[in-house]
C-alpha cells in the first residue's frame, strides 16, 4: 500500500485539450480537491504540476495537497548557478509563499483552506 500519491500534470498532457477546456479534460489543480477527497486519510497527496511560484504552492495546499514537488524551479537554479542556484530558487519560492500567505491573512500553512482562494467553491 502506498503512503502518498504525487499528482503530476504529465498524465493530463496526453488528453488536455487546452486552450479548449470545453472538450472535457481538466487540469491537475482543478482535479486536486476530488483526489484529496477520494483518498481521504488513507494517504497523503503531493502536488507535482507546474509549481513555479510560492502562490502556486499556496493554491495547492489550500486545495488539500500535503506538499508540493517543485522540480522545474530547482532544475533551473541548478542549471544557472549549481547548488547556490538551487538554494536561491527555493529561497525565492519560500519568500513568495510567505508573502502569499500574508496576503490571505495566514501565518501557518496548516490553516490554509479553500476559503483563502478567490472564487473557490467552499465545499
C-alpha atoms as a PDB file:
ATOM      1  CA  UNK A   1       0.000   0.000   0.000  1.00  0.00           C
ATOM      2  CA  UNK A   2       1.265   3.476  -0.840  1.00  0.00           C
ATOM      3  CA  UNK A   3       1.816   6.115   1.819  1.00  0.00           C
ATOM      4  CA  UNK A   4       1.442   9.023  -0.588  1.00  0.00           C
ATOM      5  CA  UNK A   5       0.321   9.893  -4.097  1.00  0.00           C
ATOM      6  CA  UNK A   6       2.057  12.558  -6.176  1.00  0.00           C
ATOM      7  CA  UNK A   7      -0.365  14.241  -8.576  1.00  0.00           C
ATOM      8  CA  UNK A   8       1.650  15.246 -11.642  1.00  0.00           C
ATOM      9  CA  UNK A   9       0.321  17.112 -14.658  1.00  0.00           C
ATOM     10  CA  UNK A  10       2.176  14.771 -17.017  1.00  0.00           C
ATOM     11  CA  UNK A  11      -0.736  12.353 -17.449  1.00  0.00           C
ATOM     12  CA  UNK A  12      -3.040  15.222 -18.404  1.00  0.00           C
ATOM     13  CA  UNK A  13      -0.724  16.309 -21.216  1.00  0.00           C
ATOM     14  CA  UNK A  14      -1.954  13.303 -23.167  1.00  0.00           C
ATOM     15  CA  UNK A  15      -5.587  14.424 -23.036  1.00  0.00           C
ATOM     16  CA  UNK A  16      -5.517  18.095 -22.049  1.00  0.00           C
ATOM     17  CA  UNK A  17      -7.177  19.982 -24.884  1.00  0.00           C
ATOM     18  CA  UNK A  18      -6.005  23.388 -23.648  1.00  0.00           C
ATOM     19  CA  UNK A  19      -6.794  26.028 -24.722  1.00  0.00           C
ATOM     20  CA  UNK A  20     -10.121  24.269 -25.393  1.00  0.00           C
ATOM     21  CA  UNK A  21     -11.222  23.058 -21.934  1.00  0.00           C
ATOM     22  CA  UNK A  22     -14.784  22.550 -23.147  1.00  0.00           C
ATOM     23  CA  UNK A  23     -13.599  19.286 -24.743  1.00  0.00           C
ATOM     24  CA  UNK A  24     -13.632  17.573 -21.376  1.00  0.00           C
ATOM     25  CA  UNK A  25     -10.196  17.296 -19.769  1.00  0.00           C
ATOM     26  CA  UNK A  26      -9.470  19.173 -16.554  1.00  0.00           C
ATOM     27  CA  UNK A  27      -6.182  20.410 -15.199  1.00  0.00           C
ATOM     28  CA  UNK A  28      -4.395  18.904 -12.214  1.00  0.00           C
ATOM     29  CA  UNK A  29      -5.209  21.825  -9.891  1.00  0.00           C
ATOM     30  CA  UNK A  30      -8.902  21.506 -10.716  1.00  0.00           C
ATOM     31  CA  UNK A  31      -8.725  17.724 -10.119  1.00  0.00           C
ATOM     32  CA  UNK A  32      -6.843  18.057  -6.821  1.00  0.00           C
ATOM     33  CA  UNK A  33      -9.793  18.524  -4.410  1.00  0.00           C
ATOM     34  CA  UNK A  34     -11.525  15.444  -5.808  1.00  0.00           C
ATOM     35  CA  UNK A  35      -8.379  13.356  -5.477  1.00  0.00           C
ATOM     36  CA  UNK A  36      -7.871  14.526  -1.894  1.00  0.00           C
ATOM     37  CA  UNK A  37     -11.489  13.690  -1.065  1.00  0.00           C
ATOM     38  CA  UNK A  38     -11.239  10.272  -2.738  1.00  0.00           C
ATOM     39  CA  UNK A  39      -8.150   9.132  -0.812  1.00  0.00           C
ATOM     40  CA  UNK A  40      -9.231  10.723   2.473  1.00  0.00           C
ATOM     41  CA  UNK A  41      -6.836   9.939   5.300  1.00  0.00           C
ATOM     42  CA  UNK A  42      -5.558   6.765   3.636  1.00  0.00           C
ATOM     43  CA  UNK A  43      -2.601   8.554   2.020  1.00  0.00           C
ATOM     44  CA  UNK A  44      -1.056  11.959   1.587  1.00  0.00           C
ATOM     45  CA  UNK A  45      -1.399  13.750  -1.732  1.00  0.00           C
ATOM     46  CA  UNK A  46       1.646  15.604  -3.042  1.00  0.00           C
ATOM     47  CA  UNK A  47       1.084  18.055  -5.879  1.00  0.00           C
ATOM     48  CA  UNK A  48       3.548  17.998  -8.776  1.00  0.00           C
ATOM     49  CA  UNK A  49       2.131  20.077 -11.560  1.00  0.00           C
ATOM     50  CA  UNK A  50       3.594  23.318 -12.794  1.00  0.00           C
ATOM     51  CA  UNK A  51       4.640  24.729  -9.429  1.00  0.00           C
ATOM     52  CA  UNK A  52       6.588  27.845 -10.372  1.00  0.00           C
ATOM     53  CA  UNK A  53       5.838  30.322  -7.568  1.00  0.00           C
ATOM     54  CA  UNK A  54       5.048  30.452  -3.895  1.00  0.00           C
ATOM     55  CA  UNK A  55       1.479  31.390  -4.828  1.00  0.00           C
ATOM     56  CA  UNK A  56       1.239  28.089  -6.740  1.00  0.00           C
ATOM     57  CA  UNK A  57       2.297  26.260  -3.563  1.00  0.00           C
ATOM     58  CA  UNK A  58      -0.348  28.131  -1.567  1.00  0.00           C
ATOM     59  CA  UNK A  59      -3.092  27.191  -4.050  1.00  0.00           C
ATOM     60  CA  UNK A  60      -2.175  23.505  -3.957  1.00  0.00           C
ATOM     61  CA  UNK A  61      -2.017  23.407  -0.150  1.00  0.00           C
ATOM     62  CA  UNK A  62      -5.298  25.322   0.135  1.00  0.00           C
ATOM     63  CA  UNK A  63      -6.943  22.742  -2.118  1.00  0.00           C
ATOM     64  CA  UNK A  64      -5.778  19.864   0.070  1.00  0.00           C
ATOM     65  CA  UNK A  65      -2.293  18.799  -1.023  1.00  0.00           C
ATOM     66  CA  UNK A  66       0.010  17.908   1.855  1.00  0.00           C
ATOM     67  CA  UNK A  67       3.064  19.143  -0.037  1.00  0.00           C
ATOM     68  CA  UNK A  68       4.387  20.223  -3.426  1.00  0.00           C
ATOM     69  CA  UNK A  69       7.177  18.937  -5.634  1.00  0.00           C
ATOM     70  CA  UNK A  70       8.998  21.762  -7.363  1.00  0.00           C
ATOM     71  CA  UNK A  71      11.339  20.124  -9.830  1.00  0.00           C
ATOM     72  CA  UNK A  72      11.339  22.805 -12.502  1.00  0.00           C
ATOM     73  CA  UNK A  73      12.456  25.634 -10.203  1.00  0.00           C
ATOM     74  CA  UNK A  74      15.333  23.725  -8.692  1.00  0.00           C
ATOM     75  CA  UNK A  75      16.453  22.445 -12.113  1.00  0.00           C
ATOM     76  CA  UNK A  76      16.525  25.996 -13.448  1.00  0.00           C
ATOM     77  CA  UNK A  77      18.513  27.072 -10.404  1.00  0.00           C
ATOM     78  CA  UNK A  78      20.883  24.135 -10.798  1.00  0.00           C
ATOM     79  CA  UNK A  79      21.463  24.898 -14.466  1.00  0.00           C
ATOM     80  CA  UNK A  80      22.065  28.588 -13.796  1.00  0.00           C
ATOM     81  CA  UNK A  81      24.224  28.518 -10.655  1.00  0.00           C
ATOM     82  CA  UNK A  82      24.650  24.972  -9.423  1.00  0.00           C
ATOM     83  CA  UNK A  83      23.971  24.314  -5.746  1.00  0.00           C
ATOM     84  CA  UNK A  84      23.757  28.045  -4.974  1.00  0.00           C
ATOM     85  CA  UNK A  85      21.145  28.405  -7.703  1.00  0.00           C
ATOM     86  CA  UNK A  86      19.036  25.645  -6.173  1.00  0.00           C
ATOM     87  CA  UNK A  87      19.228  27.342  -2.781  1.00  0.00           C
ATOM     88  CA  UNK A  88      18.262  30.675  -4.362  1.00  0.00           C
ATOM     89  CA  UNK A  89      15.322  29.159  -6.256  1.00  0.00           C
ATOM     90  CA  UNK A  90      13.994  27.578  -3.063  1.00  0.00           C
ATOM     91  CA  UNK A  91      14.523  30.835  -1.144  1.00  0.00           C
ATOM     92  CA  UNK A  92      12.549  32.758  -3.782  1.00  0.00           C
ATOM     93  CA  UNK A  93       9.648  30.294  -3.745  1.00  0.00           C
ATOM     94  CA  UNK A  94       9.615  30.287   0.060  1.00  0.00           C
ATOM     95  CA  UNK A  95       9.554  34.105   0.135  1.00  0.00           C
ATOM     96  CA  UNK A  96       6.696  34.197  -2.374  1.00  0.00           C
ATOM     97  CA  UNK A  97       4.832  31.590  -0.338  1.00  0.00           C
ATOM     98  CA  UNK A  98       5.208  33.572   2.892  1.00  0.00           C
ATOM     99  CA  UNK A  99       4.069  36.759   1.105  1.00  0.00           C
ATOM    100  CA  UNK A 100       1.091  34.941  -0.414  1.00  0.00           C
ATOM    101  CA  UNK A 101       0.112  33.585   2.992  1.00  0.00           C
ATOM    102  CA  UNK A 102       0.319  37.086   4.458  1.00  0.00           C
ATOM    103  CA  UNK A 103      -1.954  38.373   1.692  1.00  0.00           C
ATOM    104  CA  UNK A 104      -4.543  35.773   2.705  1.00  0.00           C
ATOM    105  CA  UNK A 105      -4.166  36.655   6.381  1.00  0.00           C
ATOM    106  CA  UNK A 106      -2.446  33.403   7.329  1.00  0.00           C
ATOM    107  CA  UNK A 107       0.815  32.718   9.127  1.00  0.00           C
ATOM    108  CA  UNK A 108       0.550  28.926   9.385  1.00  0.00           C
ATOM    109  CA  UNK A 109       0.251  26.712   6.304  1.00  0.00           C
ATOM    110  CA  UNK A 110      -1.741  24.154   8.310  1.00  0.00           C
ATOM    111  CA  UNK A 111      -4.600  26.664   8.451  1.00  0.00           C
ATOM    112  CA  UNK A 112      -4.875  27.139   4.696  1.00  0.00           C
ATOM    113  CA  UNK A 113      -8.112  26.061   3.066  1.00  0.00           C
ATOM    114  CA  UNK A 114     -10.301  26.844   0.097  1.00  0.00           C
ATOM    115  CA  UNK A 115     -11.652  29.897   1.901  1.00  0.00           C
ATOM    116  CA  UNK A 116      -8.398  31.751   1.196  1.00  0.00           C
ATOM    117  CA  UNK A 117      -8.776  31.377  -2.586  1.00  0.00           C
ATOM    118  CA  UNK A 118     -10.831  33.862  -4.586  1.00  0.00           C
ATOM    119  CA  UNK A 119     -13.618  32.188  -6.451  1.00  0.00           C
ATOM    120  CA  UNK A 120     -13.046  28.764  -4.855  1.00  0.00           C
ATOM    121  CA  UNK A 121     -16.001  26.568  -4.078  1.00  0.00           C
ATOM    122  CA  UNK A 122     -16.037  26.474  -0.222  1.00  0.00           C
ATOM    123  CA  UNK A 123     -17.228  22.845  -0.095  1.00  0.00           C
END
